């Protein structure tokens, strides 16, 4: 079974920004954080600037789906508090993840990338490091990814229900 995630994660700053977006579907995760799955409708409504209807100019900062325009939107949202953007894709235990955090309108972490078949650095996986910057705390041998229950759903569709 696979795991697939492309999402913004944050606290009140993200929740406040999402209130003005009809296409936004926030999902609460642990420790006061929320996850905003990157659906096609959301990408189209916020970030499409290249005319192809796919959410913008793909591949910014080493991500598959993050457009330049949506990265700027996330930076703008972060003026009210830190906001992360994360992507992960795994199948059969093999995969990769990437994470970045903005705070105060500027990039403060990343872009961090953990390629396929590479062990996590001592500081933790990119997503765990980003979650830590958002205030997540791991305890008892778990990482921040587990602490906020990001494994609860294995796909974007799961977070939308």
C-alpha atoms as a PDB file:
ATOM      1  CA  UNK A   1       0.000   0.000   0.000  1.00  0.00           C
ATOM      2  CA  UNK A   2       1.244   3.498  -0.841  1.00  0.00           C
ATOM      3  CA  UNK A   3       1.336   6.840   0.919  1.00  0.00           C
ATOM      4  CA  UNK A   4       0.822  10.104  -0.971  1.00  0.00           C
ATOM      5  CA  UNK A   5       0.646  13.610   0.502  1.00  0.00           C
ATOM      6  CA  UNK A   6       0.852  17.126  -0.875  1.00  0.00           C
ATOM      7  CA  UNK A   7      -0.357  19.660   1.684  1.00  0.00           C
ATOM      8  CA  UNK A   8       0.111  22.904   3.537  1.00  0.00           C
ATOM      9  CA  UNK A   9       0.264  22.532   7.316  1.00  0.00           C
ATOM     10  CA  UNK A  10      -0.102  25.210   9.943  1.00  0.00           C
ATOM     11  CA  UNK A  11      -1.940  26.510  12.952  1.00  0.00           C
ATOM     12  CA  UNK A  12      -4.268  29.477  13.216  1.00  0.00           C
ATOM     13  CA  UNK A  13      -2.550  31.361  10.359  1.00  0.00           C
ATOM     14  CA  UNK A  14      -3.454  28.573   7.928  1.00  0.00           C
ATOM     15  CA  UNK A  15      -6.988  28.195   9.304  1.00  0.00           C
ATOM     16  CA  UNK A  16      -7.605  31.946   8.974  1.00  0.00           C
ATOM     17  CA  UNK A  17      -6.305  32.052   5.393  1.00  0.00           C
ATOM     18  CA  UNK A  18      -8.352  29.004   4.375  1.00  0.00           C
ATOM     19  CA  UNK A  19     -11.610  30.607   5.555  1.00  0.00           C
ATOM     20  CA  UNK A  20     -11.536  32.832   2.476  1.00  0.00           C
ATOM     21  CA  UNK A  21     -11.000  29.963   0.030  1.00  0.00           C
ATOM     22  CA  UNK A  22     -14.124  28.075  -1.058  1.00  0.00           C
ATOM     23  CA  UNK A  23     -11.975  25.239  -2.458  1.00  0.00           C
ATOM     24  CA  UNK A  24     -10.067  24.760   0.827  1.00  0.00           C
ATOM     25  CA  UNK A  25     -10.763  21.585   2.818  1.00  0.00           C
ATOM     26  CA  UNK A  26      -8.955  21.759   6.145  1.00  0.00           C
ATOM     27  CA  UNK A  27      -8.399  18.640   8.220  1.00  0.00           C
ATOM     28  CA  UNK A  28      -7.400  18.865  11.876  1.00  0.00           C
ATOM     29  CA  UNK A  29      -4.278  16.941  12.830  1.00  0.00           C
ATOM     30  CA  UNK A  30      -2.648  16.692  16.224  1.00  0.00           C
ATOM     31  CA  UNK A  31      -1.194  19.363  18.481  1.00  0.00           C
ATOM     32  CA  UNK A  32      -3.362  22.231  17.252  1.00  0.00           C
ATOM     33  CA  UNK A  33      -2.253  21.971  13.631  1.00  0.00           C
ATOM     34  CA  UNK A  34      -4.361  21.659  10.502  1.00  0.00           C
ATOM     35  CA  UNK A  35      -3.630  20.133   7.114  1.00  0.00           C
ATOM     36  CA  UNK A  36      -4.768  21.704   3.843  1.00  0.00           C
ATOM     37  CA  UNK A  37      -4.622  19.045   1.096  1.00  0.00           C
ATOM     38  CA  UNK A  38      -3.501  20.347  -2.277  1.00  0.00           C
ATOM     39  CA  UNK A  39      -6.435  19.438  -4.471  1.00  0.00           C
ATOM     40  CA  UNK A  40      -6.669  20.461  -8.114  1.00  0.00           C
ATOM     41  CA  UNK A  41      -9.552  22.789  -7.227  1.00  0.00           C
ATOM     42  CA  UNK A  42      -7.480  24.547  -4.569  1.00  0.00           C
ATOM     43  CA  UNK A  43      -4.427  24.867  -6.795  1.00  0.00           C
ATOM     44  CA  UNK A  44      -6.545  26.248  -9.615  1.00  0.00           C
ATOM     45  CA  UNK A  45      -8.353  28.746  -7.388  1.00  0.00           C
ATOM     46  CA  UNK A  46      -5.252  30.126  -5.689  1.00  0.00           C
ATOM     47  CA  UNK A  47      -2.183  29.575  -7.756  1.00  0.00           C
ATOM     48  CA  UNK A  48      -2.802  29.059 -11.450  1.00  0.00           C
ATOM     49  CA  UNK A  49      -0.993  31.720 -13.384  1.00  0.00           C
ATOM     50  CA  UNK A  50       0.349  29.956 -16.453  1.00  0.00           C
ATOM     51  CA  UNK A  51      -2.941  29.362 -18.269  1.00  0.00           C
ATOM     52  CA  UNK A  52      -2.912  25.556 -18.293  1.00  0.00           C
ATOM     53  CA  UNK A  53      -5.329  25.072 -15.389  1.00  0.00           C
ATOM     54  CA  UNK A  54      -2.984  22.754 -13.486  1.00  0.00           C
ATOM     55  CA  UNK A  55      -2.170  24.989 -10.538  1.00  0.00           C
ATOM     56  CA  UNK A  56       0.753  26.883 -11.997  1.00  0.00           C
ATOM     57  CA  UNK A  57       4.380  26.453 -12.861  1.00  0.00           C
ATOM     58  CA  UNK A  58       5.186  23.064 -11.393  1.00  0.00           C
ATOM     59  CA  UNK A  59       8.340  22.092  -9.568  1.00  0.00           C
ATOM     60  CA  UNK A  60       9.272  25.154  -7.494  1.00  0.00           C
ATOM     61  CA  UNK A  61      11.806  24.571  -4.667  1.00  0.00           C
ATOM     62  CA  UNK A  62      12.157  20.893  -5.634  1.00  0.00           C
ATOM     63  CA  UNK A  63       8.470  20.004  -5.180  1.00  0.00           C
ATOM     64  CA  UNK A  64       6.232  18.174  -7.652  1.00  0.00           C
ATOM     65  CA  UNK A  65       3.147  20.347  -7.288  1.00  0.00           C
ATOM     66  CA  UNK A  66       4.167  23.609  -5.627  1.00  0.00           C
ATOM     67  CA  UNK A  67       3.888  26.550  -8.004  1.00  0.00           C
ATOM     68  CA  UNK A  68       5.730  29.839  -7.671  1.00  0.00           C
ATOM     69  CA  UNK A  69       2.431  31.635  -7.129  1.00  0.00           C
ATOM     70  CA  UNK A  70       1.256  29.262  -4.411  1.00  0.00           C
ATOM     71  CA  UNK A  71       4.661  29.494  -2.690  1.00  0.00           C
ATOM     72  CA  UNK A  72       4.163  33.273  -2.592  1.00  0.00           C
ATOM     73  CA  UNK A  73       0.655  32.766  -1.201  1.00  0.00           C
ATOM     74  CA  UNK A  74       2.029  30.535   1.566  1.00  0.00           C
ATOM     75  CA  UNK A  75       4.715  33.114   2.350  1.00  0.00           C
ATOM     76  CA  UNK A  76       2.002  35.772   2.600  1.00  0.00           C
ATOM     77  CA  UNK A  77      -0.077  33.581   4.912  1.00  0.00           C
ATOM     78  CA  UNK A  78       2.968  33.043   7.129  1.00  0.00           C
ATOM     79  CA  UNK A  79       2.999  36.695   8.165  1.00  0.00           C
ATOM     80  CA  UNK A  80       0.370  35.599  10.714  1.00  0.00           C
ATOM     81  CA  UNK A  81       2.316  32.484  11.827  1.00  0.00           C
ATOM     82  CA  UNK A  82       4.472  29.679  10.432  1.00  0.00           C
ATOM     83  CA  UNK A  83       3.156  27.633   7.508  1.00  0.00           C
ATOM     84  CA  UNK A  84       4.739  24.535   5.958  1.00  0.00           C
ATOM     85  CA  UNK A  85       4.316  22.858   2.608  1.00  0.00           C
ATOM     86  CA  UNK A  86       5.100  19.141   2.451  1.00  0.00           C
ATOM     87  CA  UNK A  87       5.087  16.372  -0.125  1.00  0.00           C
ATOM     88  CA  UNK A  88       5.665  12.670   0.399  1.00  0.00           C
ATOM     89  CA  UNK A  89       5.256   9.626  -1.775  1.00  0.00           C
ATOM     90  CA  UNK A  90       5.960   6.061  -0.647  1.00  0.00           C
ATOM     91  CA  UNK A  91       5.120   2.639  -1.986  1.00  0.00           C
ATOM     92  CA  UNK A  92       6.255  -0.590  -0.366  1.00  0.00           C
ATOM     93  CA  UNK A  93       8.369   1.314   2.144  1.00  0.00           C
ATOM     94  CA  UNK A  94      10.367   3.107  -0.558  1.00  0.00           C
ATOM     95  CA  UNK A  95       9.847   6.756  -1.352  1.00  0.00           C
ATOM     96  CA  UNK A  96      10.794  10.331  -0.748  1.00  0.00           C
ATOM     97  CA  UNK A  97       9.647  13.489   1.001  1.00  0.00           C
ATOM     98  CA  UNK A  98      10.255  17.212   0.809  1.00  0.00           C
ATOM     99  CA  UNK A  99       9.342  20.041   3.176  1.00  0.00           C
ATOM    100  CA  UNK A 100       9.667  23.802   3.524  1.00  0.00           C
ATOM    101  CA  UNK A 101       8.509  26.341   6.132  1.00  0.00           C
ATOM    102  CA  UNK A 102       7.756  30.040   5.870  1.00  0.00           C
ATOM    103  CA  UNK A 103       7.433  32.315   8.888  1.00  0.00           C
ATOM    104  CA  UNK A 104       7.032  36.070   8.961  1.00  0.00           C
ATOM    105  CA  UNK A 105       6.736  36.084   5.179  1.00  0.00           C
ATOM    106  CA  UNK A 106      10.153  34.533   4.582  1.00  0.00           C
ATOM    107  CA  UNK A 107      11.505  31.068   3.951  1.00  0.00           C
ATOM    108  CA  UNK A 108      12.874  29.819   7.286  1.00  0.00           C
ATOM    109  CA  UNK A 109      13.444  26.104   6.617  1.00  0.00           C
ATOM    110  CA  UNK A 110      14.286  24.211   3.473  1.00  0.00           C
ATOM    111  CA  UNK A 111      13.693  23.152   0.957  1.00  0.00           C
ATOM    112  CA  UNK A 112      14.611  19.874   2.639  1.00  0.00           C
ATOM    113  CA  UNK A 113      14.522  16.735   0.509  1.00  0.00           C
ATOM    114  CA  UNK A 114      14.972  13.105   1.501  1.00  0.00           C
ATOM    115  CA  UNK A 115      15.396  11.067  -1.682  1.00  0.00           C
ATOM    116  CA  UNK A 116      14.519   7.424  -2.150  1.00  0.00           C
ATOM    117  CA  UNK A 117      16.648   4.882  -0.239  1.00  0.00           C
ATOM    118  CA  UNK A 118      18.281   7.547   1.924  1.00  0.00           C
ATOM    119  CA  UNK A 119      18.156   7.348   5.721  1.00  0.00           C
ATOM    120  CA  UNK A 120      16.697  10.308   7.583  1.00  0.00           C
ATOM    121  CA  UNK A 121      19.304  12.722   8.925  1.00  0.00           C
ATOM    122  CA  UNK A 122      19.893  12.891  12.691  1.00  0.00           C
ATOM    123  CA  UNK A 123      17.584  15.946  12.855  1.00  0.00           C
ATOM    124  CA  UNK A 124      14.729  13.818  11.475  1.00  0.00           C
ATOM    125  CA  UNK A 125      12.880  13.558   8.195  1.00  0.00           C
ATOM    126  CA  UNK A 126      12.090  16.752   6.282  1.00  0.00           C
ATOM    127  CA  UNK A 127       8.429  16.604   7.313  1.00  0.00           C
ATOM    128  CA  UNK A 128       9.291  16.005  10.978  1.00  0.00           C
ATOM    129  CA  UNK A 129      11.688  18.962  10.914  1.00  0.00           C
ATOM    130  CA  UNK A 130       8.977  21.167   9.380  1.00  0.00           C
ATOM    131  CA  UNK A 131       6.428  20.034  11.958  1.00  0.00           C
ATOM    132  CA  UNK A 132       8.915  20.837  14.719  1.00  0.00           C
ATOM    133  CA  UNK A 133       9.177  24.393  13.325  1.00  0.00           C
ATOM    134  CA  UNK A 134       5.381  24.602  13.559  1.00  0.00           C
ATOM    135  CA  UNK A 135       5.520  23.670  17.241  1.00  0.00           C
ATOM    136  CA  UNK A 136       4.894  19.913  17.106  1.00  0.00           C
ATOM    137  CA  UNK A 137       6.532  17.925  19.878  1.00  0.00           C
ATOM    138  CA  UNK A 138       7.452  14.251  19.671  1.00  0.00           C
ATOM    139  CA  UNK A 139       7.593  12.064  22.760  1.00  0.00           C
ATOM    140  CA  UNK A 140       8.397   8.515  23.747  1.00  0.00           C
ATOM    141  CA  UNK A 141      10.388   7.334  20.750  1.00  0.00           C
ATOM    142  CA  UNK A 142       8.014   8.717  18.094  1.00  0.00           C
ATOM    143  CA  UNK A 143       8.766  11.437  15.579  1.00  0.00           C
ATOM    144  CA  UNK A 144       6.709  14.562  14.891  1.00  0.00           C
ATOM    145  CA  UNK A 145       5.102  12.907  11.849  1.00  0.00           C
ATOM    146  CA  UNK A 146       3.643  10.240  14.133  1.00  0.00           C
ATOM    147  CA  UNK A 147       2.912  12.686  16.967  1.00  0.00           C
ATOM    148  CA  UNK A 148       0.510  14.737  14.807  1.00  0.00           C
ATOM    149  CA  UNK A 149      -0.980  11.598  13.208  1.00  0.00           C
ATOM    150  CA  UNK A 150       0.006  12.263   9.586  1.00  0.00           C
ATOM    151  CA  UNK A 151      -0.185   8.518   8.971  1.00  0.00           C
ATOM    152  CA  UNK A 152      -3.930   8.509   9.706  1.00  0.00           C
ATOM    153  CA  UNK A 153      -4.720   8.688   5.966  1.00  0.00           C
ATOM    154  CA  UNK A 154      -2.628   7.330   3.118  1.00  0.00           C
ATOM    155  CA  UNK A 155      -3.822   9.709   0.371  1.00  0.00           C
ATOM    156  CA  UNK A 156      -5.132  13.208  -0.199  1.00  0.00           C
ATOM    157  CA  UNK A 157      -8.600  11.752  -0.745  1.00  0.00           C
ATOM    158  CA  UNK A 158      -8.534  10.277   2.758  1.00  0.00           C
ATOM    159  CA  UNK A 159      -7.960  13.719   4.263  1.00  0.00           C
ATOM    160  CA  UNK A 160     -10.935  15.139   2.353  1.00  0.00           C
ATOM    161  CA  UNK A 161     -13.548  12.846   3.923  1.00  0.00           C
END
